[in-house]
PDB file of all heavy atoms in Angstrom:
ATOM      1  N   PHE A   1     146.103-122.180  65.022  1.00  0.00           N
ATOM      2  CA  PHE A   1     146.458-122.647  66.315  1.00  0.00           C
ATOM      3  C   PHE A   1     145.548-123.531  66.926  1.00  0.00           C
ATOM      4  O   PHE A   1     145.830-124.168  67.971  1.00  0.00           O
ATOM      5  CB  PHE A   1     146.724-121.319  67.173  1.00  0.00           C
ATOM      6  CG  PHE A   1     147.894-120.589  66.802  1.00  0.00           C
ATOM      7  CD1 PHE A   1     147.777-119.253  66.278  1.00  0.00           C
ATOM      8  CD2 PHE A   1     149.192-121.179  66.889  1.00  0.00           C
ATOM      9  CE1 PHE A   1     148.900-118.494  65.917  1.00  0.00           C
ATOM     10  CE2 PHE A   1     150.300-120.302  66.563  1.00  0.00           C
ATOM     11  CZ  PHE A   1     150.175-119.186  66.076  1.00  0.00           C
ATOM     12  N   GLU A   2     144.386-123.566  66.420  1.00  0.00           N
ATOM     13  CA  GLU A   2     143.393-124.618  66.954  1.00  0.00           C
ATOM     14  C   GLU A   2     143.831-125.994  66.929  1.00  0.00           C
ATOM     15  O   GLU A   2     143.463-126.956  67.694  1.00  0.00           O
ATOM     16  CB  GLU A   2     142.070-124.536  66.278  1.00  0.00           C
ATOM     17  CG  GLU A   2     141.283-123.268  66.681  1.00  0.00           C
ATOM     18  CD  GLU A   2     139.935-123.179  65.993  1.00  0.00           C
ATOM     19  OE1 GLU A   2     139.637-124.013  65.096  1.00  0.00           O
ATOM     20  OE2 GLU A   2     139.158-122.215  66.130  1.00  0.00           O
ATOM     21  N   SER A   3     144.833-126.324  65.914  1.00  0.00           N
ATOM     22  CA  SER A   3     145.414-127.647  65.869  1.00  0.00           C
ATOM     23  C   SER A   3     146.130-128.130  67.077  1.00  0.00           C
ATOM     24  O   SER A   3     146.497-129.273  67.234  1.00  0.00           O
ATOM     25  CB  SER A   3     146.377-127.683  64.674  1.00  0.00           C
ATOM     26  OG  SER A   3     147.499-126.906  64.894  1.00  0.00           O
ATOM     27  N   ARG A   4     146.428-127.184  68.086  1.00  0.00           N
ATOM     28  CA  ARG A   4     147.153-127.524  69.285  1.00  0.00           C
ATOM     29  C   ARG A   4     146.198-128.157  70.306  1.00  0.00           C
ATOM     30  O   ARG A   4     146.740-128.580  71.362  1.00  0.00           O
ATOM     31  CB  ARG A   4     147.888-126.373  69.808  1.00  0.00           C
ATOM     32  CG  ARG A   4     148.833-125.718  68.778  1.00  0.00           C
ATOM     33  CD  ARG A   4     150.044-126.643  68.515  1.00  0.00           C
ATOM     34  NE  ARG A   4     150.820-126.255  67.347  1.00  0.00           N
ATOM     35  CZ  ARG A   4     152.156-126.357  67.289  1.00  0.00           C
ATOM     36  NH1 ARG A   4     152.845-126.843  68.473  1.00  0.00           N
ATOM     37  NH2 ARG A   4     152.761-125.975  66.203  1.00  0.00           N
ATOM     38  N   GLY A   5     145.007-128.212  70.096  1.00  0.00           N
ATOM     39  CA  GLY A   5     144.017-128.948  71.007  1.00  0.00           C
ATOM     40  C   GLY A   5     143.428-128.187  72.135  1.00  0.00           C
ATOM     41  O   GLY A   5     142.827-128.777  72.978  1.00  0.00           O
ATOM     42  N   TRP A   6     143.479-126.893  72.172  1.00  0.00           N
ATOM     43  CA  TRP A   6     142.849-126.116  73.314  1.00  0.00           C
ATOM     44  C   TRP A   6     141.508-125.843  72.982  1.00  0.00           C
ATOM     45  O   TRP A   6     141.008-125.624  71.853  1.00  0.00           O
ATOM     46  CB  TRP A   6     143.676-124.844  73.533  1.00  0.00           C
ATOM     47  CG  TRP A   6     145.074-124.962  73.878  1.00  0.00           C
ATOM     48  CD1 TRP A   6     146.194-124.900  72.938  1.00  0.00           C
ATOM     49  CD2 TRP A   6     145.700-125.397  75.195  1.00  0.00           C
ATOM     50  NE1 TRP A   6     147.322-125.179  73.579  1.00  0.00           N
ATOM     51  CE2 TRP A   6     147.070-125.530  74.955  1.00  0.00           C
ATOM     52  CE3 TRP A   6     145.037-125.632  76.408  1.00  0.00           C
ATOM     53  CZ2 TRP A   6     147.811-125.774  76.010  1.00  0.00           C
ATOM     54  CZ3 TRP A   6     145.940-126.003  77.420  1.00  0.00           C
ATOM     55  CH2 TRP A   6     147.336-126.096  77.235  1.00  0.00           C
ATOM     56  N   SER A   7     140.596-125.843  73.999  1.00  0.00           N
ATOM     57  CA  SER A   7     139.197-125.657  73.831  1.00  0.00           C
ATOM     58  C   SER A   7     139.025-124.271  73.690  1.00  0.00           C
ATOM     59  O   SER A   7     139.781-123.292  74.020  1.00  0.00           O
ATOM     60  CB  SER A   7     138.408-126.137  75.002  1.00  0.00           C
ATOM     61  OG  SER A   7     138.655-125.288  76.173  1.00  0.00           O
ATOM     62  N   ARG A   8     137.808-123.804  73.232  1.00  0.00           N
ATOM     63  CA  ARG A   8     137.339-122.358  72.981  1.00  0.00           C
ATOM     64  C   ARG A   8     137.214-121.715  74.446  1.00  0.00           C
ATOM     65  O   ARG A   8     137.686-120.587  74.496  1.00  0.00           O
ATOM     66  CB  ARG A   8     136.079-122.288  72.297  1.00  0.00           C
ATOM     67  CG  ARG A   8     136.025-122.686  70.805  1.00  0.00           C
ATOM     68  CD  ARG A   8     134.690-122.484  70.091  1.00  0.00           C
ATOM     69  NE  ARG A   8     134.875-122.676  68.733  1.00  0.00           N
ATOM     70  CZ  ARG A   8     133.915-122.621  67.873  1.00  0.00           C
ATOM     71  NH1 ARG A   8     132.774-121.983  68.246  1.00  0.00           N
ATOM     72  NH2 ARG A   8     134.017-122.874  66.583  1.00  0.00           N
ATOM     73  N   GLN A   9     136.976-122.486  75.363  1.00  0.00           N
ATOM     74  CA  GLN A   9     136.865-121.907  76.780  1.00  0.00           C
ATOM     75  C   GLN A   9     138.283-121.552  77.267  1.00  0.00           C
ATOM     76  O   GLN A   9     138.458-120.520  77.868  1.00  0.00           O
ATOM     77  CB  GLN A   9     136.073-122.896  77.720  1.00  0.00           C
ATOM     78  CG  GLN A   9     134.668-123.048  77.440  1.00  0.00           C
ATOM     79  CD  GLN A   9     134.369-123.969  76.259  1.00  0.00           C
ATOM     80  OE1 GLN A   9     135.291-124.588  75.738  1.00  0.00           O
ATOM     81  NE2 GLN A   9     133.166-124.087  75.912  1.00  0.00           N
ATOM     82  N   GLU A  10     139.186-122.568  77.000  1.00  0.00           N
ATOM     83  CA  GLU A  10     140.704-122.331  77.364  1.00  0.00           C
ATOM     84  C   GLU A  10     141.239-121.076  76.580  1.00  0.00           C
ATOM     85  O   GLU A  10     141.929-120.296  77.150  1.00  0.00           O
ATOM     86  CB  GLU A  10     141.397-123.531  77.238  1.00  0.00           C
ATOM     87  CG  GLU A  10     141.032-124.541  78.104  1.00  0.00           C
ATOM     88  CD  GLU A  10     141.711-126.000  77.825  1.00  0.00           C
ATOM     89  OE1 GLU A  10     141.755-126.241  76.597  1.00  0.00           O
ATOM     90  OE2 GLU A  10     142.008-126.745  78.699  1.00  0.00           O
ATOM     91  N   TRP A  11     140.938-121.041  75.350  1.00  0.00           N
ATOM     92  CA  TRP A  11     141.465-119.968  74.531  1.00  0.00           C
ATOM     93  C   TRP A  11     140.820-118.548  75.038  1.00  0.00           C
ATOM     94  O   TRP A  11     141.565-117.568  75.190  1.00  0.00           O
ATOM     95  CB  TRP A  11     141.024-120.169  73.081  1.00  0.00           C
ATOM     96  CG  TRP A  11     141.634-119.252  72.033  1.00  0.00           C
ATOM     97  CD1 TRP A  11     141.202-118.041  71.682  1.00  0.00           C
ATOM     98  CD2 TRP A  11     142.877-119.463  71.364  1.00  0.00           C
ATOM     99  NE1 TRP A  11     142.110-117.386  70.702  1.00  0.00           N
ATOM    100  CE2 TRP A  11     143.063-118.255  70.581  1.00  0.00           C
ATOM    101  CE3 TRP A  11     143.929-120.418  71.289  1.00  0.00           C
ATOM    102  CZ2 TRP A  11     144.216-118.115  69.652  1.00  0.00           C
ATOM    103  CZ3 TRP A  11     145.017-120.352  70.513  1.00  0.00           C
ATOM    104  CH2 TRP A  11     145.108-119.249  69.672  1.00  0.00           C
ATOM    105  N   ALA A  12     139.576-118.545  75.292  1.00  0.00           N
ATOM    106  CA  ALA A  12     138.837-117.370  75.777  1.00  0.00           C
ATOM    107  C   ALA A  12     139.382-116.981  77.136  1.00  0.00           C
ATOM    108  O   ALA A  12     139.754-115.634  77.456  1.00  0.00           O
ATOM    109  CB  ALA A  12     137.362-117.525  75.783  1.00  0.00           C
ATOM    110  N   ALA A  13     139.750-117.919  77.996  1.00  0.00           N
ATOM    111  CA  ALA A  13     140.241-117.650  79.398  1.00  0.00           C
ATOM    112  C   ALA A  13     141.673-117.113  79.168  1.00  0.00           C
ATOM    113  O   ALA A  13     141.986-115.962  79.891  1.00  0.00           O
ATOM    114  CB  ALA A  13     140.208-118.921  80.197  1.00  0.00           C
ATOM    115  N   ALA A  14     142.426-117.549  78.315  1.00  0.00           N
ATOM    116  CA  ALA A  14     143.773-117.023  78.057  1.00  0.00           C
ATOM    117  C   ALA A  14     143.685-115.518  77.475  1.00  0.00           C
ATOM    118  O   ALA A  14     144.489-114.718  77.939  1.00  0.00           O
ATOM    119  CB  ALA A  14     144.532-117.789  77.120  1.00  0.00           C
ATOM    120  N   ARG A  15     142.738-115.276  76.655  1.00  0.00           N
ATOM    121  CA  ARG A  15     142.534-113.887  76.188  1.00  0.00           C
ATOM    122  C   ARG A  15     142.239-112.977  77.437  1.00  0.00           C
ATOM    123  O   ARG A  15     142.735-111.870  77.455  1.00  0.00           O
ATOM    124  CB  ARG A  15     141.407-113.876  75.247  1.00  0.00           C
ATOM    125  CG  ARG A  15     141.821-114.131  73.783  1.00  0.00           C
ATOM    126  CD  ARG A  15     140.629-113.650  72.830  1.00  0.00           C
ATOM    127  NE  ARG A  15     140.887-113.783  71.499  1.00  0.00           N
ATOM    128  CZ  ARG A  15     140.113-113.266  70.525  1.00  0.00           C
ATOM    129  NH1 ARG A  15     138.997-112.796  70.789  1.00  0.00           N
ATOM    130  NH2 ARG A  15     140.585-113.394  69.184  1.00  0.00           N
ATOM    131  N   GLU A  16     141.432-113.392  78.274  1.00  0.00           N
ATOM    132  CA  GLU A  16     141.063-112.589  79.390  1.00  0.00           C
ATOM    133  C   GLU A  16     142.313-112.239  80.211  1.00  0.00           C
ATOM    134  O   GLU A  16     142.486-111.193  80.747  1.00  0.00           O
ATOM    135  CB  GLU A  16     140.060-113.172  80.252  1.00  0.00           C
ATOM    136  CG  GLU A  16     138.628-113.387  79.538  1.00  0.00           C
ATOM    137  CD  GLU A  16     137.572-113.936  80.453  1.00  0.00           C
ATOM    138  OE1 GLU A  16     137.936-114.337  81.701  1.00  0.00           O
ATOM    139  OE2 GLU A  16     136.398-114.177  79.780  1.00  0.00           O
ATOM    140  N   ARG A  17     143.132-113.301  80.463  1.00  0.00           N
ATOM    141  CA  ARG A  17     144.329-113.046  81.353  1.00  0.00           C
ATOM    142  C   ARG A  17     145.278-112.100  80.672  1.00  0.00           C
ATOM    143  O   ARG A  17     145.765-111.236  81.279  1.00  0.00           O
ATOM    144  CB  ARG A  17     144.994-114.476  81.580  1.00  0.00           C
ATOM    145  CG  ARG A  17     144.172-115.498  82.453  1.00  0.00           C
ATOM    146  CD  ARG A  17     145.183-116.546  82.914  1.00  0.00           C
ATOM    147  NE  ARG A  17     145.616-117.335  81.768  1.00  0.00           N
ATOM    148  CZ  ARG A  17     145.057-118.463  81.233  1.00  0.00           C
ATOM    149  NH1 ARG A  17     143.750-118.701  81.644  1.00  0.00           N
ATOM    150  NH2 ARG A  17     145.598-119.164  80.295  1.00  0.00           N
ATOM    151  N   LEU A  18     145.371-112.276  79.310  1.00  0.00           N
ATOM    152  CA  LEU A  18     146.293-111.325  78.545  1.00  0.00           C
ATOM    153  C   LEU A  18     145.728-109.971  78.575  1.00  0.00           C
ATOM    154  O   LEU A  18     146.533-108.956  78.598  1.00  0.00           O
ATOM    155  CB  LEU A  18     146.562-111.862  77.120  1.00  0.00           C
ATOM    156  CG  LEU A  18     147.466-113.133  77.095  1.00  0.00           C
ATOM    157  CD1 LEU A  18     147.391-113.661  75.644  1.00  0.00           C
ATOM    158  CD2 LEU A  18     148.765-113.072  77.687  1.00  0.00           C
ATOM    159  N   SER A  19     144.405-109.862  78.350  1.00  0.00           N
ATOM    160  CA  SER A  19     143.784-108.522  78.364  1.00  0.00           C
ATOM    161  C   SER A  19     144.019-107.856  79.769  1.00  0.00           C
ATOM    162  O   SER A  19     144.178-106.651  79.804  1.00  0.00           O
ATOM    163  CB  SER A  19     142.291-108.647  78.117  1.00  0.00           C
ATOM    164  OG  SER A  19     142.105-109.106  76.741  1.00  0.00           O
ATOM    165  N   ALA A  20     143.931-108.565  80.818  1.00  0.00           N
ATOM    166  CA  ALA A  20     144.048-108.041  82.185  1.00  0.00           C
ATOM    167  C   ALA A  20     145.536-107.485  82.317  1.00  0.00           C
ATOM    168  O   ALA A  20     145.796-106.565  83.172  1.00  0.00           O
ATOM    169  CB  ALA A  20     143.800-109.101  83.158  1.00  0.00           C
ATOM    170  N   ARG A  21     146.427-108.080  81.604  1.00  0.00           N
ATOM    171  CA  ARG A  21     147.902-107.573  81.647  1.00  0.00           C
ATOM    172  C   ARG A  21     148.150-106.415  80.642  1.00  0.00           C
ATOM    173  O   ARG A  21     149.286-105.953  80.564  1.00  0.00           O
ATOM    174  CB  ARG A  21     148.796-108.747  81.289  1.00  0.00           C
ATOM    175  CG  ARG A  21     148.886-109.802  82.336  1.00  0.00           C
ATOM    176  CD  ARG A  21     149.698-111.048  81.995  1.00  0.00           C
ATOM    177  NE  ARG A  21     151.026-110.707  81.466  1.00  0.00           N
ATOM    178  CZ  ARG A  21     151.985-111.595  81.054  1.00  0.00           C
ATOM    179  NH1 ARG A  21     151.587-112.760  80.802  1.00  0.00           N
ATOM    180  NH2 ARG A  21     153.284-111.179  80.754  1.00  0.00           N
ATOM    181  N   GLY A  22     147.060-105.999  79.932  1.00  0.00           N
ATOM    182  CA  GLY A  22     147.229-104.918  79.022  1.00  0.00           C
ATOM    183  C   GLY A  22     147.833-105.351  77.743  1.00  0.00           C
ATOM    184  O   GLY A  22     148.376-104.535  76.869  1.00  0.00           O
ATOM    185  N   LEU A  23     147.822-106.549  77.309  1.00  0.00           N
ATOM    186  CA  LEU A  23     148.580-107.127  76.145  1.00  0.00           C
ATOM    187  C   LEU A  23     147.589-107.402  74.997  1.00  0.00           C
ATOM    188  O   LEU A  23     148.025-107.574  73.888  1.00  0.00           O
ATOM    189  CB  LEU A  23     149.231-108.450  76.492  1.00  0.00           C
ATOM    190  CG  LEU A  23     150.179-108.371  77.689  1.00  0.00           C
ATOM    191  CD1 LEU A  23     150.767-109.749  77.913  1.00  0.00           C
ATOM    192  CD2 LEU A  23     151.339-107.390  77.242  1.00  0.00           C
ATOM    193  N   LEU A  24     146.311-107.346  75.246  1.00  0.00           N
ATOM    194  CA  LEU A  24     145.321-107.615  74.136  1.00  0.00           C
ATOM    195  C   LEU A  24     144.221-106.375  74.023  1.00  0.00           C
ATOM    196  O   LEU A  24     143.840-105.956  75.020  1.00  0.00           O
ATOM    197  CB  LEU A  24     144.746-108.902  74.241  1.00  0.00           C
ATOM    198  CG  LEU A  24     145.403-110.214  74.009  1.00  0.00           C
ATOM    199  CD1 LEU A  24     144.346-111.352  74.035  1.00  0.00           C
ATOM    200  CD2 LEU A  24     146.217-110.117  72.721  1.00  0.00           C
ATOM    201  N   GLU A  25     143.823-106.069  72.890  1.00  0.00           N
ATOM    202  CA  GLU A  25     142.786-105.146  72.685  1.00  0.00           C
ATOM    203  C   GLU A  25     141.470-105.969  72.722  1.00  0.00           C
ATOM    204  O   GLU A  25     141.533-107.267  72.801  1.00  0.00           O
ATOM    205  CB  GLU A  25     142.771-104.580  71.179  1.00  0.00           C
ATOM    206  CG  GLU A  25     144.028-103.829  70.897  1.00  0.00           C
ATOM    207  CD  GLU A  25     144.043-102.414  71.500  1.00  0.00           C
ATOM    208  OE1 GLU A  25     143.049-102.128  72.334  1.00  0.00           O
ATOM    209  OE2 GLU A  25     145.108-101.623  71.320  1.00  0.00           O
ATOM    210  N   PRO A  26     140.282-105.289  72.921  1.00  0.00           N
ATOM    211  CA  PRO A  26     139.101-106.172  73.012  1.00  0.00           C
ATOM    212  C   PRO A  26     138.798-106.940  71.774  1.00  0.00           C
ATOM    213  O   PRO A  26     138.099-108.068  71.939  1.00  0.00           O
ATOM    214  CB  PRO A  26     138.085-104.923  73.034  1.00  0.00           C
ATOM    215  CG  PRO A  26     138.656-103.779  73.767  1.00  0.00           C
ATOM    216  CD  PRO A  26     140.180-103.889  73.152  1.00  0.00           C
TER     217      PRO A  26
END
């Protein structure tokens, strides 16, 4: 999925948002 051009910071921020919704494990 890195081929879609998002930075590591943007990917990490999305992880945080999804985790806050209870959608991702640590």
